[in-house]
Amino acid sequence: MKNNESKPIHIFLAGDSTVASCPRNEAPMAGWGQLFQSFFSEEVKVLNFAKGGASTNTFIEIGYLDIILEFIGPKDFLFIQFGHNDQKSFGTEPFTTYQSYLTEYVNGAREKGAFPILVTSVHRRNFDEQGKIVNTLGDYPTSMIQLAQKLDVQLINLLEKTERIYETLGVEGSRKLFTQFAANEHPNYPNGIEDNTHFCEHGAREVGKLVIEGIKELQLPLVSYIK
């Protein structure tokens, strides 16, 4: 029986554009966090703070982590997925600053009695001639896996999961996960677009399913609230 006084469990999402909710003028482009609420019953509330262009350090610099830590509470969850923009000049180095910034997220959540979950970056759609996915994310995923072991943090390996789904769908089939249109095919993209990083809504939902799969594998308390 549901306790009427129990507060909902909050899932806070910290990440980049592959997680973020996209504005209407970019539809149907979507990060997996945009549709994540649809996987849960009403006892769970998803709060998507992911921001396009954010790296672990800039997300902190613009104050987003502070806002999350102000509102996160005991038994809530903080899912942390970065890497794409940490590769840029304003970003971090895999085995030093990337890990030290990620540690701030982990420690911040733990201090509030919440559960941090590290999530490795999603692959970009980049195939070699044999139809295998090429890793364009350098050492960032490995670095996160190493940190998860060091800090004893639960981790969802979305890099591995997206590699599997892209390769299963194949070079052409995997296009349907991404924002790709010919010229004049979609009013938001009159000149066409071939984006191999950002998902369309269908792709965001499919990647969300992979995160749900990870939640089940880890047997997180959230499992009881999955629809």
Protein backbone atom coordinates (compact mmCIF):
# COMPACT_ATOMS: atom_id res chain seq x y z
CA MET A 1 0.00 0.00 0.00
CA LYS A 2 1.33 3.39 -0.97
CA ASN A 3 2.14 5.77 1.83
CA ASN A 4 0.44 9.10 1.01
CA GLU A 5 3.05 10.98 2.98
CA SER A 6 5.98 9.48 1.08
CA LYS A 7 7.75 11.92 -1.17
CA PRO A 8 8.53 10.99 -4.76
CA ILE A 9 12.00 9.70 -5.62
CA HIS A 10 13.80 12.26 -7.76
CA ILE A 11 16.18 11.32 -10.54
CA PHE A 12 18.46 14.26 -11.35
CA LEU A 13 20.29 14.12 -14.67
CA ALA A 14 23.62 15.90 -15.18
CA GLY A 15 25.07 15.71 -18.67
CA ASP A 16 25.48 17.15 -22.15
CA SER A 17 23.29 17.42 -25.26
CA THR A 18 23.04 13.63 -25.67
CA VAL A 19 21.06 13.65 -22.39
CA ALA A 20 19.45 17.11 -22.56
CA SER A 21 15.91 18.11 -23.46
CA CYS A 22 16.11 19.94 -26.78
CA PRO A 23 14.15 23.11 -27.60
CA ARG A 24 11.12 22.85 -29.90
CA ASN A 25 12.87 24.48 -32.84
CA GLU A 26 15.35 21.57 -32.87
CA ALA A 27 12.63 18.85 -32.77
CA PRO A 28 12.69 15.94 -33.25
CA MET A 29 16.26 16.14 -31.87
CA ALA A 30 16.24 14.87 -28.27
CA GLY A 31 18.59 13.66 -25.57
CA TRP A 32 17.66 10.45 -23.77
CA GLY A 33 16.78 12.40 -20.63
CA GLN A 34 13.97 14.21 -22.47
CA LEU A 35 11.81 11.07 -22.62
CA PHE A 36 13.11 9.35 -19.49
CA GLN A 37 10.10 10.19 -17.32
CA SER A 38 7.89 8.02 -19.55
CA PHE A 39 9.58 4.84 -18.25
CA PHE A 40 8.51 5.43 -14.63
CA SER A 41 5.36 5.51 -12.54
CA GLU A 42 4.29 8.75 -10.86
CA GLU A 43 6.29 7.95 -7.71
CA VAL A 44 9.44 8.93 -9.62
CA LYS A 45 10.14 12.45 -10.90
CA VAL A 46 12.88 13.00 -13.47
CA LEU A 47 14.60 16.40 -13.33
CA ASN A 48 16.76 16.84 -16.41
CA PHE A 49 19.50 19.42 -15.84
CA ALA A 50 21.64 18.20 -18.76
CA LYS A 51 22.79 21.06 -20.96
CA GLY A 52 23.97 21.11 -24.57
CA GLY A 53 27.68 21.88 -24.80
CA ALA A 54 28.39 21.13 -21.15
CA SER A 55 31.51 19.36 -19.92
CA THR A 56 32.07 18.21 -16.33
CA ASN A 57 33.81 21.48 -15.49
CA THR A 58 31.53 23.97 -17.30
CA PHE A 59 28.40 22.34 -15.81
CA ILE A 60 29.85 23.17 -12.39
CA GLU A 61 31.03 26.65 -13.46
CA ILE A 62 27.55 27.68 -14.65
CA GLY A 63 26.13 26.60 -11.29
CA TYR A 64 24.04 23.62 -12.37
CA LEU A 65 25.62 21.18 -9.94
CA ASP A 66 25.03 23.63 -7.07
CA ILE A 67 21.33 23.82 -7.99
CA ILE A 68 21.05 20.02 -8.07
CA LEU A 69 22.79 19.67 -4.72
CA GLU A 70 20.50 22.29 -3.22
CA PHE A 71 17.40 20.20 -4.04
CA ILE A 72 18.60 16.59 -4.04
CA GLY A 73 17.73 14.60 -0.96
CA PRO A 74 18.10 11.21 0.70
CA LYS A 75 17.26 8.23 -1.56
CA ASP A 76 17.22 10.45 -4.68
CA PHE A 77 19.50 9.62 -7.62
CA LEU A 78 22.03 11.64 -9.61
CA PHE A 79 22.87 10.18 -13.03
CA ILE A 80 26.10 11.68 -14.39
CA GLN A 81 27.02 11.38 -18.09
CA PHE A 82 29.71 13.55 -19.64
CA GLY A 83 32.64 13.09 -22.04
CA HIS A 84 31.66 14.51 -25.43
CA ASN A 85 32.54 18.09 -24.55
CA ASP A 86 35.28 17.23 -22.07
CA GLN A 87 37.27 16.49 -25.24
CA LYS A 88 37.08 20.15 -26.27
CA SER A 89 39.62 22.88 -25.49
CA PHE A 90 37.54 24.17 -22.54
CA GLY A 91 37.11 20.65 -21.16
CA THR A 92 39.21 18.28 -19.09
CA GLU A 93 41.94 15.64 -19.30
CA PRO A 94 40.74 12.03 -18.92
CA PHE A 95 42.76 10.69 -15.99
CA THR A 96 43.22 13.94 -14.03
CA THR A 97 40.72 16.80 -14.19
CA TYR A 98 37.86 14.68 -15.62
CA GLN A 99 38.08 12.33 -12.65
CA SER A 100 38.46 15.13 -10.11
CA TYR A 101 35.36 16.96 -11.41
CA LEU A 102 33.33 13.73 -11.54
CA THR A 103 34.36 13.14 -7.92
CA GLU A 104 32.69 16.45 -6.97
CA TYR A 105 29.36 15.16 -8.35
CA VAL A 106 29.72 11.83 -6.55
CA ASN A 107 30.72 13.32 -3.21
CA GLY A 108 28.07 16.05 -3.45
CA ALA A 109 25.29 13.52 -3.99
CA ARG A 110 26.55 11.23 -1.24
CA GLU A 111 26.75 14.09 1.26
CA LYS A 112 23.01 14.62 0.69
CA GLY A 113 22.22 10.93 1.18
CA ALA A 114 21.53 10.48 -2.54
CA PHE A 115 22.87 7.80 -4.88
CA PRO A 116 25.31 8.86 -7.63
CA ILE A 117 25.28 6.72 -10.79
CA LEU A 118 28.06 7.18 -13.33
CA VAL A 119 27.03 6.69 -16.97
CA THR A 120 29.65 6.33 -19.69
CA SER A 121 29.25 8.45 -22.82
CA VAL A 122 27.08 7.30 -25.71
CA HIS A 123 29.00 6.47 -28.86
CA ARG A 124 28.81 8.72 -31.88
CA ARG A 125 27.56 6.97 -35.03
CA ASN A 126 30.96 6.34 -36.56
CA PHE A 127 31.54 3.01 -38.33
CA ASP A 128 34.69 1.52 -39.82
CA GLU A 129 34.73 -0.39 -43.13
CA GLN A 130 33.92 -3.65 -41.32
CA GLY A 131 30.72 -2.18 -39.85
CA LYS A 132 32.22 -1.86 -36.37
CA ILE A 133 31.81 1.24 -34.21
CA VAL A 134 34.88 3.45 -33.89
CA ASN A 135 35.50 4.93 -30.45
CA THR A 136 35.71 8.72 -30.87
CA LEU A 137 35.66 9.38 -27.11
CA GLY A 138 39.29 8.62 -26.33
CA ASP A 139 40.07 7.61 -22.75
CA TYR A 140 37.08 9.32 -21.12
CA PRO A 141 34.91 6.19 -20.81
CA THR A 142 37.81 4.11 -19.46
CA SER A 143 38.63 6.88 -17.01
CA MET A 144 35.04 6.93 -15.72
CA ILE A 145 34.98 3.13 -15.31
CA GLN A 146 38.26 3.34 -13.37
CA LEU A 147 36.87 6.08 -11.12
CA ALA A 148 33.67 4.11 -10.46
CA GLN A 149 35.79 1.23 -9.17
CA LYS A 150 37.97 3.53 -7.09
CA LEU A 151 35.05 5.35 -5.44
CA ASP A 152 32.78 2.29 -5.34
CA VAL A 153 30.11 4.01 -7.43
CA GLN A 154 27.57 2.08 -9.48
CA LEU A 155 28.02 2.51 -13.21
CA ILE A 156 25.95 2.01 -16.35
CA ASN A 157 28.19 1.35 -19.34
CA LEU A 158 26.21 3.19 -22.00
CA LEU A 159 29.25 3.22 -24.30
CA GLU A 160 29.11 -0.58 -24.47
CA LYS A 161 25.32 -0.64 -24.78
CA THR A 162 25.18 1.94 -27.60
CA GLU A 163 27.96 0.11 -29.47
CA ARG A 164 25.85 -3.05 -29.36
CA ILE A 165 22.63 -1.38 -30.56
CA TYR A 166 24.34 0.61 -33.37
CA GLU A 167 26.16 -2.47 -34.68
CA THR A 168 23.01 -4.62 -34.43
CA LEU A 169 21.09 -2.05 -36.50
CA GLY A 170 24.03 -1.64 -38.88
CA VAL A 171 25.43 1.30 -40.82
CA GLU A 172 22.11 2.23 -42.48
CA GLY A 173 19.67 1.00 -39.84
CA SER A 174 21.34 3.02 -37.10
CA ARG A 175 20.53 6.26 -38.95
CA LYS A 176 16.97 6.09 -37.61
CA LEU A 177 18.29 6.74 -34.08
CA PHE A 178 19.77 10.12 -35.10
CA THR A 179 18.63 13.49 -36.39
CA GLN A 180 18.98 13.02 -40.13
CA PHE A 181 16.83 14.65 -42.82
CA ALA A 182 17.19 15.48 -46.48
CA ALA A 183 16.69 19.11 -47.56
CA ASN A 184 13.02 20.21 -47.23
CA GLU A 185 12.08 16.97 -45.46
CA HIS A 186 11.49 18.62 -42.07
CA PRO A 187 10.46 22.27 -41.43
CA ASN A 188 13.04 22.67 -38.64
CA TYR A 189 15.85 21.57 -41.00
CA PRO A 190 15.08 23.14 -44.41
CA ASN A 191 18.67 22.61 -45.57
CA GLY A 192 18.76 19.02 -44.31
CA ILE A 193 20.91 17.60 -41.53
CA GLU A 194 23.10 14.54 -41.06
CA ASP A 195 23.87 14.46 -37.37
CA ASN A 196 25.69 11.40 -36.04
CA THR A 197 25.86 12.59 -32.42
CA HIS A 198 22.36 13.79 -31.51
CA PHE A 199 19.39 11.46 -31.33
CA CYS A 200 15.92 11.95 -32.72
CA GLU A 201 13.01 11.19 -30.35
CA HIS A 202 12.94 7.55 -31.44
CA GLY A 203 16.67 7.23 -30.78
CA ALA A 204 16.39 9.00 -27.43
CA ARG A 205 13.71 6.51 -26.38
CA GLU A 206 15.83 3.53 -27.51
CA VAL A 207 18.85 4.82 -25.58
CA GLY A 208 16.60 5.50 -22.58
CA LYS A 209 15.66 1.80 -22.74
CA LEU A 210 19.37 0.96 -22.47
CA VAL A 211 19.63 3.10 -19.31
CA ILE A 212 16.58 1.27 -17.93
CA GLU A 213 18.32 -2.02 -18.77
CA GLY A 214 21.32 -0.78 -16.75
CA ILE A 215 19.08 0.14 -13.80
CA LYS A 216 17.68 -3.40 -13.82
CA GLU A 217 21.16 -4.95 -14.06
CA LEU A 218 22.29 -2.92 -11.03
CA GLN A 219 19.05 -3.79 -9.20
CA LEU A 220 18.61 -0.17 -8.11
CA PRO A 221 15.59 0.58 -5.90
CA LEU A 222 14.14 2.37 -8.96
CA VAL A 223 13.33 -1.02 -10.49
CA SER A 224 10.01 -1.21 -8.59
CA TYR A 225 8.84 2.01 -10.26
CA ILE A 226 9.60 1.08 -13.88
CA LYS A 227 6.43 0.77 -15.95
